[in-house]
Amino acid sequence: MKLDESKAFSGFSANDIKKAKEFYGQTLGVNVSESNGILTLNLAGGHKVIIYPKPNHVPATFTVLNFPVPSVDRAVDELTKRGVRFETYNEPQLKTDERGILRGGGPVIAWFKDPAGNILSVLET
């Protein structure tokens, strides 16, 4: 068996599937389905990510899901209106502006968290 022919997918945990479903489906506007308590994010291009319940969930300390967008500024504006709060960083190698957008040294990117504390991003393509 060759795994390069497998339709692999990624997944991560959340401590409250109901809140996750509301956040991803309503706040972010992602097509979400649920089966047996597991969420599937049905993303563009047929890509899928699962979110599974985990009572002792610990949020990831790294970005678990990136959403490529044509304009990070517009995405931040729209998501902020929907109640998303963007992270701000002021570290030597990681400095965002007051809106939470990193410019320079790579793609324009902004990070935010889901209700379970997992880190997500919008990044400019």
PDB file of N, CA and C in Angstrom:
ATOM      1  N   MET A   1       0.838  -1.184   0.000  1.00  0.00           N
ATOM      2  CA  MET A   1       0.000   0.000   0.000  1.00  0.00           C
ATOM      3  C   MET A   1       0.878   1.240   0.000  1.00  0.00           C
ATOM      4  N   LYS A   2       0.545   2.170  -0.876  1.00  0.00           N
ATOM      5  CA  LYS A   2       1.272   3.432  -0.947  1.00  0.00           C
ATOM      6  C   LYS A   2       0.404   4.530  -0.354  1.00  0.00           C
ATOM      7  N   LEU A   3       0.894   5.165   0.693  1.00  0.00           N
ATOM      8  CA  LEU A   3       0.104   6.207   1.345  1.00  0.00           C
ATOM      9  C   LEU A   3       0.000   7.480   0.509  1.00  0.00           C
ATOM     10  N   ASP A   4       0.864   7.643  -0.479  1.00  0.00           N
ATOM     11  CA  ASP A   4       0.753   8.840  -1.309  1.00  0.00           C
ATOM     12  C   ASP A   4      -0.514   8.812  -2.163  1.00  0.00           C
ATOM     13  N   GLU A   5      -1.186   7.692  -2.202  1.00  0.00           N
ATOM     14  CA  GLU A   5      -2.448   7.579  -2.930  1.00  0.00           C
ATOM     15  C   GLU A   5      -3.665   7.702  -2.002  1.00  0.00           C
ATOM     16  N   SER A   6      -3.406   7.792  -0.709  1.00  0.00           N
ATOM     17  CA  SER A   6      -4.472   7.920   0.273  1.00  0.00           C
ATOM     18  C   SER A   6      -4.995   9.359   0.303  1.00  0.00           C
ATOM     19  N   LYS A   7      -6.278   9.514   0.480  1.00  0.00           N
ATOM     20  CA  LYS A   7      -6.864  10.853   0.626  1.00  0.00           C
ATOM     21  C   LYS A   7      -6.775  11.250   2.096  1.00  0.00           C
ATOM     22  N   ALA A   8      -5.561  11.544   2.535  1.00  0.00           N
ATOM     23  CA  ALA A   8      -5.279  11.866   3.932  1.00  0.00           C
ATOM     24  C   ALA A   8      -6.010  13.130   4.360  1.00  0.00           C
ATOM     25  N   PHE A   9      -6.255  13.235   5.648  1.00  0.00           N
ATOM     26  CA  PHE A   9      -6.874  14.427   6.221  1.00  0.00           C
ATOM     27  C   PHE A   9      -6.270  14.647   7.587  1.00  0.00           C
ATOM     28  N   SER A  10      -6.434  15.838   8.071  1.00  0.00           N
ATOM     29  CA  SER A  10      -5.898  16.205   9.373  1.00  0.00           C
ATOM     30  C   SER A  10      -7.038  16.344  10.367  1.00  0.00           C
ATOM     31  N   GLY A  11      -6.697  16.356  11.634  1.00  0.00           N
ATOM     32  CA  GLY A  11      -7.688  16.539  12.669  1.00  0.00           C
ATOM     33  C   GLY A  11      -7.060  17.097  13.926  1.00  0.00           C
ATOM     34  N   PHE A  12      -7.907  17.664  14.752  1.00  0.00           N
ATOM     35  CA  PHE A  12      -7.472  18.153  16.057  1.00  0.00           C
ATOM     36  C   PHE A  12      -8.656  18.101  17.000  1.00  0.00           C
ATOM     37  N   SER A  13      -8.383  18.275  18.277  1.00  0.00           N
ATOM     38  CA  SER A  13      -9.431  18.094  19.277  1.00  0.00           C
ATOM     39  C   SER A  13     -10.024  19.414  19.749  1.00  0.00           C
ATOM     40  N   ALA A  14     -11.176  19.268  20.386  1.00  0.00           N
ATOM     41  CA  ALA A  14     -11.861  20.387  21.041  1.00  0.00           C
ATOM     42  C   ALA A  14     -12.553  19.827  22.278  1.00  0.00           C
ATOM     43  N   ASN A  15     -12.753  20.671  23.265  1.00  0.00           N
ATOM     44  CA  ASN A  15     -13.401  20.212  24.494  1.00  0.00           C
ATOM     45  C   ASN A  15     -14.917  20.394  24.461  1.00  0.00           C
ATOM     46  N   ASP A  16     -15.435  21.119  23.447  1.00  0.00           N
ATOM     47  CA  ASP A  16     -16.871  21.346  23.346  1.00  0.00           C
ATOM     48  C   ASP A  16     -17.262  21.363  21.871  1.00  0.00           C
ATOM     49  N   ILE A  17     -17.763  20.241  21.379  1.00  0.00           N
ATOM     50  CA  ILE A  17     -18.087  20.096  19.964  1.00  0.00           C
ATOM     51  C   ILE A  17     -19.217  21.040  19.551  1.00  0.00           C
ATOM     52  N   LYS A  18     -20.183  21.279  20.431  1.00  0.00           N
ATOM     53  CA  LYS A  18     -21.281  22.186  20.103  1.00  0.00           C
ATOM     54  C   LYS A  18     -20.752  23.599  19.841  1.00  0.00           C
ATOM     55  N   LYS A  19     -19.873  24.093  20.722  1.00  0.00           N
ATOM     56  CA  LYS A  19     -19.283  25.418  20.528  1.00  0.00           C
ATOM     57  C   LYS A  19     -18.416  25.452  19.272  1.00  0.00           C
ATOM     58  N   ALA A  20     -17.675  24.372  19.040  1.00  0.00           N
ATOM     59  CA  ALA A  20     -16.826  24.306  17.845  1.00  0.00           C
ATOM     60  C   ALA A  20     -17.677  24.358  16.578  1.00  0.00           C
ATOM     61  N   LYS A  21     -18.778  23.607  16.574  1.00  0.00           N
ATOM     62  CA  LYS A  21     -19.657  23.585  15.398  1.00  0.00           C
ATOM     63  C   LYS A  21     -20.224  24.977  15.132  1.00  0.00           C
ATOM     64  N   GLU A  22     -20.645  25.678  16.165  1.00  0.00           N
ATOM     65  CA  GLU A  22     -21.180  27.027  16.016  1.00  0.00           C
ATOM     66  C   GLU A  22     -20.109  27.988  15.503  1.00  0.00           C
ATOM     67  N   PHE A  23     -18.914  27.912  16.065  1.00  0.00           N
ATOM     68  CA  PHE A  23     -17.830  28.808  15.676  1.00  0.00           C
ATOM     69  C   PHE A  23     -17.427  28.584  14.216  1.00  0.00           C
ATOM     70  N   TYR A  24     -17.136  27.342  13.870  1.00  0.00           N
ATOM     71  CA  TYR A  24     -16.676  27.067  12.504  1.00  0.00           C
ATOM     72  C   TYR A  24     -17.798  27.262  11.487  1.00  0.00           C
ATOM     73  N   GLY A  25     -18.998  26.830  11.813  1.00  0.00           N
ATOM     74  CA  GLY A  25     -20.102  26.916  10.883  1.00  0.00           C
ATOM     75  C   GLY A  25     -20.710  28.297  10.761  1.00  0.00           C
ATOM     76  N   GLN A  26     -20.998  28.934  11.904  1.00  0.00           N
ATOM     77  CA  GLN A  26     -21.688  30.226  11.864  1.00  0.00           C
ATOM     78  C   GLN A  26     -20.720  31.407  11.841  1.00  0.00           C
ATOM     79  N   THR A  27     -19.760  31.418  12.757  1.00  0.00           N
ATOM     80  CA  THR A  27     -18.848  32.560  12.821  1.00  0.00           C
ATOM     81  C   THR A  27     -17.919  32.612  11.621  1.00  0.00           C
ATOM     82  N   LEU A  28     -17.295  31.470  11.294  1.00  0.00           N
ATOM     83  CA  LEU A  28     -16.354  31.459  10.175  1.00  0.00           C
ATOM     84  C   LEU A  28     -17.023  31.174   8.836  1.00  0.00           C
ATOM     85  N   GLY A  29     -18.213  30.579   8.848  1.00  0.00           N
ATOM     86  CA  GLY A  29     -18.910  30.295   7.605  1.00  0.00           C
ATOM     87  C   GLY A  29     -18.412  29.083   6.848  1.00  0.00           C
ATOM     88  N   VAL A  30     -17.785  28.148   7.562  1.00  0.00           N
ATOM     89  CA  VAL A  30     -17.287  26.916   6.945  1.00  0.00           C
ATOM     90  C   VAL A  30     -18.430  25.904   6.877  1.00  0.00           C
ATOM     91  N   ASN A  31     -18.472  25.111   5.824  1.00  0.00           N
ATOM     92  CA  ASN A  31     -19.454  24.036   5.690  1.00  0.00           C
ATOM     93  C   ASN A  31     -19.052  22.940   6.675  1.00  0.00           C
ATOM     94  N   VAL A  32     -19.877  22.721   7.694  1.00  0.00           N
ATOM     95  CA  VAL A  32     -19.571  21.768   8.760  1.00  0.00           C
ATOM     96  C   VAL A  32     -20.628  20.670   8.778  1.00  0.00           C
ATOM     97  N   SER A  33     -20.175  19.434   8.888  1.00  0.00           N
ATOM     98  CA  SER A  33     -21.101  18.321   9.092  1.00  0.00           C
ATOM     99  C   SER A  33     -20.691  17.602  10.375  1.00  0.00           C
ATOM    100  N   GLU A  34     -21.631  16.851  10.932  1.00  0.00           N
ATOM    101  CA  GLU A  34     -21.362  16.156  12.194  1.00  0.00           C
ATOM    102  C   GLU A  34     -21.866  14.728  12.091  1.00  0.00           C
ATOM    103  N   SER A  35     -21.041  13.806  12.562  1.00  0.00           N
ATOM    104  CA  SER A  35     -21.421  12.403  12.592  1.00  0.00           C
ATOM    105  C   SER A  35     -20.778  11.750  13.804  1.00  0.00           C
ATOM    106  N   ASN A  36     -21.586  11.109  14.616  1.00  0.00           N
ATOM    107  CA  ASN A  36     -21.090  10.414  15.810  1.00  0.00           C
ATOM    108  C   ASN A  36     -20.276  11.328  16.720  1.00  0.00           C
ATOM    109  N   GLY A  37     -20.682  12.597  16.819  1.00  0.00           N
ATOM    110  CA  GLY A  37     -19.996  13.531  17.712  1.00  0.00           C
ATOM    111  C   GLY A  37     -18.697  14.087  17.168  1.00  0.00           C
ATOM    112  N   ILE A  38     -18.374  13.774  15.923  1.00  0.00           N
ATOM    113  CA  ILE A  38     -17.154  14.287  15.287  1.00  0.00           C
ATOM    114  C   ILE A  38     -17.556  15.267  14.196  1.00  0.00           C
ATOM    115  N   LEU A  39     -16.928  16.434  14.198  1.00  0.00           N
ATOM    116  CA  LEU A  39     -17.195  17.431  13.172  1.00  0.00           C
ATOM    117  C   LEU A  39     -16.278  17.208  11.984  1.00  0.00           C
ATOM    118  N   THR A  40     -16.794  17.478  10.803  1.00  0.00           N
ATOM    119  CA  THR A  40     -15.969  17.504   9.602  1.00  0.00           C
ATOM    120  C   THR A  40     -16.104  18.887   8.997  1.00  0.00           C
ATOM    121  N   LEU A  41     -14.956  19.547   8.824  1.00  0.00           N
ATOM    122  CA  LEU A  41     -14.929  20.819   8.120  1.00  0.00           C
ATOM    123  C   LEU A  41     -14.741  20.473   6.651  1.00  0.00           C
ATOM    124  N   ASN A  42     -15.729  20.801   5.839  1.00  0.00           N
ATOM    125  CA  ASN A  42     -15.690  20.525   4.405  1.00  0.00           C
ATOM    126  C   ASN A  42     -15.171  21.774   3.711  1.00  0.00           C
ATOM    127  N   LEU A  43     -13.883  21.758   3.396  1.00  0.00           N
ATOM    128  CA  LEU A  43     -13.206  22.943   2.888  1.00  0.00           C
ATOM    129  C   LEU A  43     -13.147  22.951   1.366  1.00  0.00           C
ATOM    130  N   ALA A  44     -12.767  24.075   0.809  1.00  0.00           N
ATOM    131  CA  ALA A  44     -12.654  24.223  -0.640  1.00  0.00           C
ATOM    132  C   ALA A  44     -11.729  23.153  -1.215  1.00  0.00           C
ATOM    133  N   GLY A  45     -12.012  22.755  -2.433  1.00  0.00           N
ATOM    134  CA  GLY A  45     -11.174  21.778  -3.115  1.00  0.00           C
ATOM    135  C   GLY A  45     -11.370  20.354  -2.643  1.00  0.00           C
ATOM    136  N   GLY A  46     -12.431  20.118  -1.865  1.00  0.00           N
ATOM    137  CA  GLY A  46     -12.683  18.775  -1.365  1.00  0.00           C
ATOM    138  C   GLY A  46     -11.849  18.390  -0.157  1.00  0.00           C
ATOM    139  N   HIS A  47     -11.114  19.328   0.399  1.00  0.00           N
ATOM    140  CA  HIS A  47     -10.296  19.051   1.579  1.00  0.00           C
ATOM    141  C   HIS A  47     -11.175  18.958   2.818  1.00  0.00           C
ATOM    142  N   LYS A  48     -10.789  18.091   3.725  1.00  0.00           N
ATOM    143  CA  LYS A  48     -11.551  17.890   4.955  1.00  0.00           C
ATOM    144  C   LYS A  48     -10.617  17.902   6.159  1.00  0.00           C
ATOM    145  N   VAL A  49     -11.130  18.418   7.254  1.00  0.00           N
ATOM    146  CA  VAL A  49     -10.436  18.401   8.541  1.00  0.00           C
ATOM    147  C   VAL A  49     -11.472  17.945   9.553  1.00  0.00           C
ATOM    148  N   ILE A  50     -11.067  17.054  10.458  1.00  0.00           N
ATOM    149  CA  ILE A  50     -12.010  16.634  11.496  1.00  0.00           C
ATOM    150  C   ILE A  50     -11.661  17.295  12.822  1.00  0.00           C
ATOM    151  N   ILE A  51     -12.694  17.515  13.615  1.00  0.00           N
ATOM    152  CA  ILE A  51     -12.531  18.003  14.983  1.00  0.00           C
ATOM    153  C   ILE A  51     -13.244  16.996  15.864  1.00  0.00           C
ATOM    154  N   TYR A  52     -12.497  16.397  16.755  1.00  0.00           N
ATOM    155  CA  TYR A  52     -13.039  15.335  17.591  1.00  0.00           C
ATOM    156  C   TYR A  52     -13.065  15.770  19.055  1.00  0.00           C
ATOM    157  N   PRO A  53     -14.040  15.261  19.804  1.00  0.00           N
ATOM    158  CA  PRO A  53     -14.142  15.643  21.217  1.00  0.00           C
ATOM    159  C   PRO A  53     -13.051  14.990  22.046  1.00  0.00           C
ATOM    160  N   LYS A  54     -12.544  15.756  22.978  1.00  0.00           N
ATOM    161  CA  LYS A  54     -11.532  15.230  23.895  1.00  0.00           C
ATOM    162  C   LYS A  54     -11.732  15.924  25.236  1.00  0.00           C
ATOM    163  N   PRO A  55     -12.255  15.202  26.237  1.00  0.00           N
ATOM    164  CA  PRO A  55     -12.555  15.824  27.529  1.00  0.00           C
ATOM    165  C   PRO A  55     -11.352  16.495  28.192  1.00  0.00           C
ATOM    166  N   ASN A  56     -10.159  15.921  28.037  1.00  0.00           N
ATOM    167  CA  ASN A  56      -8.965  16.508  28.648  1.00  0.00           C
ATOM    168  C   ASN A  56      -8.155  17.294  27.608  1.00  0.00           C
ATOM    169  N   HIS A  57      -8.865  17.902  26.661  1.00  0.00           N
ATOM    170  CA  HIS A  57      -8.256  18.687  25.581  1.00  0.00           C
ATOM    171  C   HIS A  57      -7.302  19.742  26.120  1.00  0.00           C
ATOM    172  N   VAL A  58      -6.174  19.858  25.459  1.00  0.00           N
ATOM    173  CA  VAL A  58      -5.220  20.930  25.712  1.00  0.00           C
ATOM    174  C   VAL A  58      -5.018  21.629  24.372  1.00  0.00           C
ATOM    175  N   PRO A  59      -5.222  22.944  24.306  1.00  0.00           N
ATOM    176  CA  PRO A  59      -5.078  23.642  23.029  1.00  0.00           C
ATOM    177  C   PRO A  59      -3.691  23.474  22.438  1.00  0.00           C
ATOM    178  N   ALA A  60      -3.645  23.398  21.122  1.00  0.00           N
ATOM    179  CA  ALA A  60      -2.364  23.326  20.421  1.00  0.00           C
ATOM    180  C   ALA A  60      -1.612  24.639  20.628  1.00  0.00           C
ATOM    181  N   THR A  61      -0.304  24.562  20.702  1.00  0.00           N
ATOM    182  CA  THR A  61       0.520  25.756  20.870  1.00  0.00           C
ATOM    183  C   THR A  61       1.071  26.232  19.532  1.00  0.00           C
ATOM    184  N   PHE A  62       0.558  25.681  18.455  1.00  0.00           N
ATOM    185  CA  PHE A  62       0.984  26.021  17.104  1.00  0.00           C
ATOM    186  C   PHE A  62      -0.268  26.147  16.236  1.00  0.00           C
ATOM    187  N   THR A  63      -0.115  26.663  15.046  1.00  0.00           N
ATOM    188  CA  THR A  63      -1.253  26.849  14.149  1.00  0.00           C
ATOM    189  C   THR A  63      -1.722  25.498  13.623  1.00  0.00           C
ATOM    190  N   VAL A  64      -2.987  25.179  13.857  1.00  0.00           N
ATOM    191  CA  VAL A  64      -3.523  23.891  13.418  1.00  0.00           C
ATOM    192  C   VAL A  64      -4.249  23.980  12.081  1.00  0.00           C
ATOM    193  N   LEU A  65      -4.662  25.193  11.684  1.00  0.00           N
ATOM    194  CA  LEU A  65      -5.401  25.341  10.442  1.00  0.00           C
ATOM    195  C   LEU A  65      -5.182  26.743   9.888  1.00  0.00           C
ATOM    196  N   ASN A  66      -4.796  26.798   8.609  1.00  0.00           N
ATOM    197  CA  ASN A  66      -4.559  28.063   7.924  1.00  0.00           C
ATOM    198  C   ASN A  66      -5.605  28.255   6.833  1.00  0.00           C
ATOM    199  N   PHE A  67      -6.176  29.443   6.770  1.00  0.00           N
ATOM    200  CA  PHE A  67      -7.137  29.781   5.730  1.00  0.00           C
ATOM    201  C   PHE A  67      -6.493  30.778   4.767  1.00  0.00           C
ATOM    202  N   PRO A  68      -6.069  30.341   3.578  1.00  0.00           N
ATOM    203  CA  PRO A  68      -5.532  31.284   2.603  1.00  0.00           C
ATOM    204  C   PRO A  68      -6.644  32.224   2.121  1.00  0.00           C
ATOM    205  N   VAL A  69      -6.344  33.515   2.063  1.00  0.00           N
ATOM    206  CA  VAL A  69      -7.305  34.523   1.625  1.00  0.00           C
ATOM    207  C   VAL A  69      -6.600  35.519   0.707  1.00  0.00           C
ATOM    208  N   PRO A  70      -7.352  36.183  -0.185  1.00  0.00           N
ATOM    209  CA  PRO A  70      -6.728  37.176  -1.061  1.00  0.00           C
ATOM    210  C   PRO A  70      -6.238  38.408  -0.306  1.00  0.00           C
ATOM    211  N   SER A  71      -6.936  38.783   0.787  1.00  0.00           N
ATOM    212  CA  SER A  71      -6.558  39.969   1.555  1.00  0.00           C
ATOM    213  C   SER A  71      -6.751  39.698   3.048  1.00  0.00           C
ATOM    214  N   VAL A  72      -5.665  39.680   3.783  1.00  0.00           N
ATOM    215  CA  VAL A  72      -5.746  39.487   5.233  1.00  0.00           C
ATOM    216  C   VAL A  72      -6.458  40.678   5.872  1.00  0.00           C
ATOM    217  N   ASP A  73      -6.201  41.886   5.383  1.00  0.00           N
ATOM    218  CA  ASP A  73      -6.863  43.063   5.945  1.00  0.00           C
ATOM    219  C   ASP A  73      -8.381  42.929   5.871  1.00  0.00           C
ATOM    220  N   ARG A  74      -8.890  42.527   4.709  1.00  0.00           N
ATOM    221  CA  ARG A  74     -10.345  42.362   4.562  1.00  0.00           C
ATOM    222  C   ARG A  74     -10.853  41.224   5.436  1.00  0.00           C
ATOM    223  N   ALA A  75     -10.100  40.115   5.496  1.00  0.00           N
ATOM    224  CA  ALA A  75     -10.521  38.978   6.324  1.00  0.00           C
ATOM    225  C   ALA A  75     -10.565  39.371   7.791  1.00  0.00           C
ATOM    226  N   VAL A  76      -9.565  40.107   8.260  1.00  0.00           N
ATOM    227  CA  VAL A  76      -9.548  40.560   9.657  1.00  0.00           C
ATOM    228  C   VAL A  76     -10.731  41.480   9.920  1.00  0.00           C
ATOM    229  N   ASP A  77     -11.007  42.401   9.001  1.00  0.00           N
ATOM    230  CA  ASP A  77     -12.160  43.301   9.173  1.00  0.00           C
ATOM    231  C   ASP A  77     -13.457  42.504   9.295  1.00  0.00           C
ATOM    232  N   GLU A  78     -13.683  41.574   8.372  1.00  0.00           N
ATOM    233  CA  GLU A  78     -14.926  40.806   8.345  1.00  0.00           C
ATOM    234  C   GLU A  78     -15.048  39.908   9.573  1.00  0.00           C
ATOM    235  N   LEU A  79     -13.984  39.190   9.911  1.00  0.00           N
ATOM    236  CA  LEU A  79     -14.048  38.278  11.052  1.00  0.00           C
ATOM    237  C   LEU A  79     -14.166  39.035  12.378  1.00  0.00           C
ATOM    238  N   THR A  80     -13.551  40.197  12.471  1.00  0.00           N
ATOM    239  CA  THR A  80     -13.688  41.013  13.674  1.00  0.00           C
ATOM    240  C   THR A  80     -15.150  41.413  13.869  1.00  0.00           C
ATOM    241  N   LYS A  81     -15.831  41.759  12.771  1.00  0.00           N
ATOM    242  CA  LYS A  81     -17.254  42.103  12.846  1.00  0.00           C
ATOM    243  C   LYS A  81     -18.082  40.919  13.340  1.00  0.00           C
ATOM    244  N   ARG A  82     -17.601  39.695  13.083  1.00  0.00           N
ATOM    245  CA  ARG A  82     -18.315  38.489  13.508  1.00  0.00           C
ATOM    246  C   ARG A  82     -17.920  38.048  14.921  1.00  0.00           C
ATOM    247  N   GLY A  83     -17.070  38.848  15.575  1.00  0.00           N
ATOM    248  CA  GLY A  83     -16.704  38.553  16.955  1.00  0.00           C
ATOM    249  C   GLY A  83     -15.381  37.830  17.150  1.00  0.00           C
ATOM    250  N   VAL A  84     -14.635  37.605  16.085  1.00  0.00           N
ATOM    251  CA  VAL A  84     -13.329  36.947  16.208  1.00  0.00           C
ATOM    252  C   VAL A  84     -12.331  37.963  16.745  1.00  0.00           C
ATOM    253  N   ARG A  85     -11.526  37.514  17.700  1.00  0.00           N
ATOM    254  CA  ARG A  85     -10.483  38.360  18.299  1.00  0.00           C
ATOM    255  C   ARG A  85      -9.131  37.867  17.814  1.00  0.00           C
ATOM    256  N   PHE A  86      -8.363  38.741  17.218  1.00  0.00           N
ATOM    257  CA  PHE A  86      -7.061  38.355  16.687  1.00  0.00           C
ATOM    258  C   PHE A  86      -5.973  38.520  17.740  1.00  0.00           C
ATOM    259  N   GLU A  87      -5.025  37.615  17.702  1.00  0.00           N
ATOM    260  CA  GLU A  87      -3.921  37.609  18.651  1.00  0.00           C
ATOM    261  C   GLU A  87      -2.916  38.698  18.272  1.00  0.00           C
ATOM    262  N   THR A  88      -2.321  39.318  19.261  1.00  0.00           N
ATOM    263  CA  THR A  88      -1.226  40.254  19.000  1.00  0.00           C
ATOM    264  C   THR A  88       0.029  39.705  19.659  1.00  0.00           C
ATOM    265  N   TYR A  89       1.133  39.863  18.965  1.00  0.00           N
ATOM    266  CA  TYR A  89       2.418  39.368  19.452  1.00  0.00           C
ATOM    267  C   TYR A  89       3.420  40.504  19.402  1.00  0.00           C
ATOM    268  N   ASN A  90       4.263  40.564  20.418  1.00  0.00           N
ATOM    269  CA  ASN A  90       5.327  41.554  20.471  1.00  0.00           C
ATOM    270  C   ASN A  90       6.596  40.863  20.962  1.00  0.00           C
ATOM    271  N   GLU A  91       7.068  39.944  20.142  1.00  0.00           N
ATOM    272  CA  GLU A  91       8.275  39.184  20.450  1.00  0.00           C
ATOM    273  C   GLU A  91       9.356  39.573  19.453  1.00  0.00           C
ATOM    274  N   PRO A  92      10.620  39.340  19.780  1.00  0.00           N
ATOM    275  CA  PRO A  92      11.695  39.769  18.872  1.00  0.00           C
ATOM    276  C   PRO A  92      11.514  39.306  17.412  1.00  0.00           C
ATOM    277  N   GLN A  93      11.100  38.085  17.199  1.00  0.00           N
ATOM    278  CA  GLN A  93      10.947  37.559  15.840  1.00  0.00           C
ATOM    279  C   GLN A  93       9.488  37.507  15.373  1.00  0.00           C
ATOM    280  N   LEU A  94       8.574  38.027  16.180  1.00  0.00           N
ATOM    281  CA  LEU A  94       7.156  37.943  15.860  1.00  0.00           C
ATOM    282  C   LEU A  94       6.431  39.165  16.407  1.00  0.00           C
ATOM    283  N   LYS A  95       6.265  40.173  15.532  1.00  0.00           N
ATOM    284  CA  LYS A  95       5.600  41.407  15.936  1.00  0.00           C
ATOM    285  C   LYS A  95       4.430  41.673  15.001  1.00  0.00           C
ATOM    286  N   THR A  96       3.233  41.707  15.587  1.00  0.00           N
ATOM    287  CA  THR A  96       2.045  42.041  14.809  1.00  0.00           C
ATOM    288  C   THR A  96       1.684  43.494  15.051  1.00  0.00           C
ATOM    289  N   ASP A  97       0.859  44.027  14.162  1.00  0.00           N
ATOM    290  CA  ASP A  97       0.369  45.389  14.388  1.00  0.00           C
ATOM    291  C   ASP A  97      -0.799  45.342  15.378  1.00  0.00           C
ATOM    292  N   GLU A  98      -1.421  46.483  15.632  1.00  0.00           N
ATOM    293  CA  GLU A  98      -2.481  46.552  16.632  1.00  0.00           C
ATOM    294  C   GLU A  98      -3.709  45.725  16.257  1.00  0.00           C
ATOM    295  N   ARG A  99      -3.855  45.385  14.980  1.00  0.00           N
ATOM    296  CA  ARG A  99      -4.983  44.557  14.525  1.00  0.00           C
ATOM    297  C   ARG A  99      -4.652  43.070  14.572  1.00  0.00           C
ATOM    298  N   GLY A 100      -3.384  42.751  14.883  1.00  0.00           N
ATOM    299  CA  GLY A 100      -2.981  41.354  14.945  1.00  0.00           C
ATOM    300  C   GLY A 100      -2.415  40.827  13.638  1.00  0.00           C
ATOM    301  N   ILE A 101      -1.999  41.714  12.744  1.00  0.00           N
ATOM    302  CA  ILE A 101      -1.488  41.300  11.433  1.00  0.00           C
ATOM    303  C   ILE A 101       0.041  41.406  11.415  1.00  0.00           C
ATOM    304  N   LEU A 102       0.666  40.338  10.972  1.00  0.00           N
ATOM    305  CA  LEU A 102       2.120  40.300  10.789  1.00  0.00           C
ATOM    306  C   LEU A 102       2.421  40.633   9.340  1.00  0.00           C
ATOM    307  N   ARG A 103       3.270  41.609   9.143  1.00  0.00           N
ATOM    308  CA  ARG A 103       3.662  42.027   7.787  1.00  0.00           C
ATOM    309  C   ARG A 103       5.178  41.989   7.691  1.00  0.00           C
ATOM    310  N   GLY A 104       5.683  41.406   6.626  1.00  0.00           N
ATOM    311  CA  GLY A 104       7.125  41.343   6.426  1.00  0.00           C
ATOM    312  C   GLY A 104       7.702  40.061   6.983  1.00  0.00           C
ATOM    313  N   GLY A 105       8.759  39.571   6.350  1.00  0.00           N
ATOM    314  CA  GLY A 105       9.414  38.345   6.807  1.00  0.00           C
ATOM    315  C   GLY A 105       8.629  37.092   6.472  1.00  0.00           C
ATOM    316  N   GLY A 106       7.796  37.150   5.465  1.00  0.00           N
ATOM    317  CA  GLY A 106       6.966  36.007   5.088  1.00  0.00           C
ATOM    318  C   GLY A 106       5.606  36.496   4.635  1.00  0.00           C
ATOM    319  N   PRO A 107       4.651  35.597   4.536  1.00  0.00           N
ATOM    320  CA  PRO A 107       3.327  36.030   4.086  1.00  0.00           C
ATOM    321  C   PRO A 107       2.647  36.919   5.130  1.00  0.00           C
ATOM    322  N   VAL A 108       1.770  37.793   4.660  1.00  0.00           N
ATOM    323  CA  VAL A 108       0.943  38.583   5.579  1.00  0.00           C
ATOM    324  C   VAL A 108      -0.001  37.585   6.235  1.00  0.00           C
ATOM    325  N   ILE A 109      -0.044  37.597   7.568  1.00  0.00           N
ATOM    326  CA  ILE A 109      -0.785  36.572   8.309  1.00  0.00           C
ATOM    327  C   ILE A 109      -1.349  37.162   9.600  1.00  0.00           C
ATOM    328  N   ALA A 110      -2.475  36.623  10.045  1.00  0.00           N
ATOM    329  CA  ALA A 110      -3.061  37.013  11.328  1.00  0.00           C
ATOM    330  C   ALA A 110      -3.598  35.756  12.002  1.00  0.00           C
ATOM    331  N   TRP A 111      -3.374  35.643  13.300  1.00  0.00           N
ATOM    332  CA  TRP A 111      -3.765  34.454  14.052  1.00  0.00           C
ATOM    333  C   TRP A 111      -4.947  34.750  14.969  1.00  0.00           C
ATOM    334  N   PHE A 112      -5.769  33.736  15.177  1.00  0.00           N
ATOM    335  CA  PHE A 112      -6.890  33.817  16.106  1.00  0.00           C
ATOM    336  C   PHE A 112      -7.133  32.429  16.672  1.00  0.00           C
ATOM    337  N   LYS A 113      -7.954  32.350  17.705  1.00  0.00           N
ATOM    338  CA  LYS A 113      -8.199  31.066  18.363  1.00  0.00           C
ATOM    339  C   LYS A 113      -9.653  30.652  18.225  1.00  0.00           C
ATOM    340  N   ASP A 114      -9.866  29.342  18.194  1.00  0.00           N
ATOM    341  CA  ASP A 114     -11.233  28.817  18.217  1.00  0.00           C
ATOM    342  C   ASP A 114     -11.680  28.726  19.681  1.00  0.00           C
ATOM    343  N   PRO A 115     -12.925  28.352  19.946  1.00  0.00           N
ATOM    344  CA  PRO A 115     -13.392  28.311  21.339  1.00  0.00           C
ATOM    345  C   PRO A 115     -12.599  27.352  22.230  1.00  0.00           C
ATOM    346  N   ALA A 116     -11.937  26.368  21.643  1.00  0.00           N
ATOM    347  CA  ALA A 116     -11.136  25.425  22.431  1.00  0.00           C
ATOM    348  C   ALA A 116      -9.710  25.920  22.631  1.00  0.00           C
ATOM    349  N   GLY A 117      -9.384  27.098  22.088  1.00  0.00           N
ATOM    350  CA  GLY A 117      -8.043  27.670  22.253  1.00  0.00           C
ATOM    351  C   GLY A 117      -7.043  27.248  21.192  1.00  0.00           C
ATOM    352  N   ASN A 118      -7.486  26.475  20.194  1.00  0.00           N
ATOM    353  CA  ASN A 118      -6.586  26.090  19.103  1.00  0.00           C
ATOM    354  C   ASN A 118      -6.288  27.312  18.226  1.00  0.00           C
ATOM    355  N   ILE A 119      -5.073  27.397  17.726  1.00  0.00           N
ATOM    356  CA  ILE A 119      -4.642  28.545  16.939  1.00  0.00           C
ATOM    357  C   ILE A 119      -4.922  28.306  15.458  1.00  0.00           C
ATOM    358  N   LEU A 120      -5.575  29.300  14.844  1.00  0.00           N
ATOM    359  CA  LEU A 120      -5.901  29.287  13.421  1.00  0.00           C
ATOM    360  C   LEU A 120      -5.304  30.549  12.806  1.00  0.00           C
ATOM    361  N   SER A 121      -5.263  30.594  11.478  1.00  0.00           N
ATOM    362  CA  SER A 121      -4.780  31.828  10.842  1.00  0.00           C
ATOM    363  C   SER A 121      -5.498  32.103   9.534  1.00  0.00           C
ATOM    364  N   VAL A 122      -5.444  33.353   9.130  1.00  0.00           N
ATOM    365  CA  VAL A 122      -5.749  33.758   7.770  1.00  0.00           C
ATOM    366  C   VAL A 122      -4.416  34.279   7.219  1.00  0.00           C
ATOM    367  N   LEU A 123      -4.047  33.798   6.036  1.00  0.00           N
ATOM    368  CA  LEU A 123      -2.808  34.261   5.443  1.00  0.00           C
ATOM    369  C   LEU A 123      -3.030  34.615   3.990  1.00  0.00           C
ATOM    370  N   GLU A 124      -2.314  35.660   3.566  1.00  0.00           N
ATOM    371  CA  GLU A 124      -2.503  36.184   2.228  1.00  0.00           C
ATOM    372  C   GLU A 124      -1.826  35.313   1.187  1.00  0.00           C
ATOM    373  N   THR A 125      -2.580  35.062   0.129  1.00  0.00           N
ATOM    374  CA  THR A 125      -2.041  34.229  -0.960  1.00  0.00           C
ATOM    375  C   THR A 125      -1.635  35.095  -2.136  1.00  0.00           C
TER     376      THR A 125
END
